[in-house]
């Protein structure tokens, strides 16, 4: 666990933020290459990527406020300006809505773009989950496997106060560890479980994008279904507070995952009946533009 990479004065540069930024950059570069087959100009991909970053941050933050509504009502400013607290599905839904709006406004093929983004989302999210592990957040519940990957340390600030890890603080509150203990009890490394699943999902989507032709939008739907199954399963091993649809039975993320799985067959049926998309590459040349017409023979 390495939550702070380095400091600039009193301002910490977090490992989690670095990994999320790296995931965004790699995802953007992937889409720039993948979108050549649509085609969409790289400049428009960069425009959409900026929209996605803003919408994802806002959406994930709003979702966290909803999940932690009681805390928000008690102390709204501390929660709003906290550097922690983001819900992936909130960011995902916010980004999807923003991309649909701007892609239509810019006359871009929405479903084909979604397919190009699908492997990139899995790739970027993979690095985000590695950042979660290094930060210690999104940790798992107690497990019987005592291994360095499963034990998060007690973290002290400059004054000797216990400020982390999240697993240690939660177990301290539950009376499972004492302040003198150096490590929390072993927990499932759920961040690594999900990262491994996302790696597999990325490889599958990347292969299918290159080799299989389906109705536009199908690959993104496959990503949504694959991640819903992965997230639903991993949630059973999570131990951090994250909101519930049915208390201690179905978490908020599991509820959203179930909704995705229920809707998926109907969405796929709709995709099969939709006409082919038409779009134009913006801020770039149309295919063949700039090439002089062939000369006619005399």
Foldseek 3Di string as FASTA:
>chain_A
DAQFPDDDVPRTDGLLVVLLVVLLVVLLVQLCVLCVVVPAHSVVSVVLSVQLVVQLQVQQLVLQCVQVVVVCVVPVVCSNPPPDGGDRVRSVVSSLVSLVVVCVVQQHFSLQSLLSSLLSVLSSVLSSLVSCQNLLPQWFDADPDDDPSFKDFFDADPVRDTDDDPQQVVCVVVVNDDPPDGIHHGAPSLSVQSSVLSVVLSVVSVVCSVPPDDQRNVSSLVSLLSSLVSVLVSVVGTDDRQAPPPPPPHGPSNVVSVVSVVCSVVVSVVSRPDDHGDGAHPPDDGVPPPPDDDDDDD
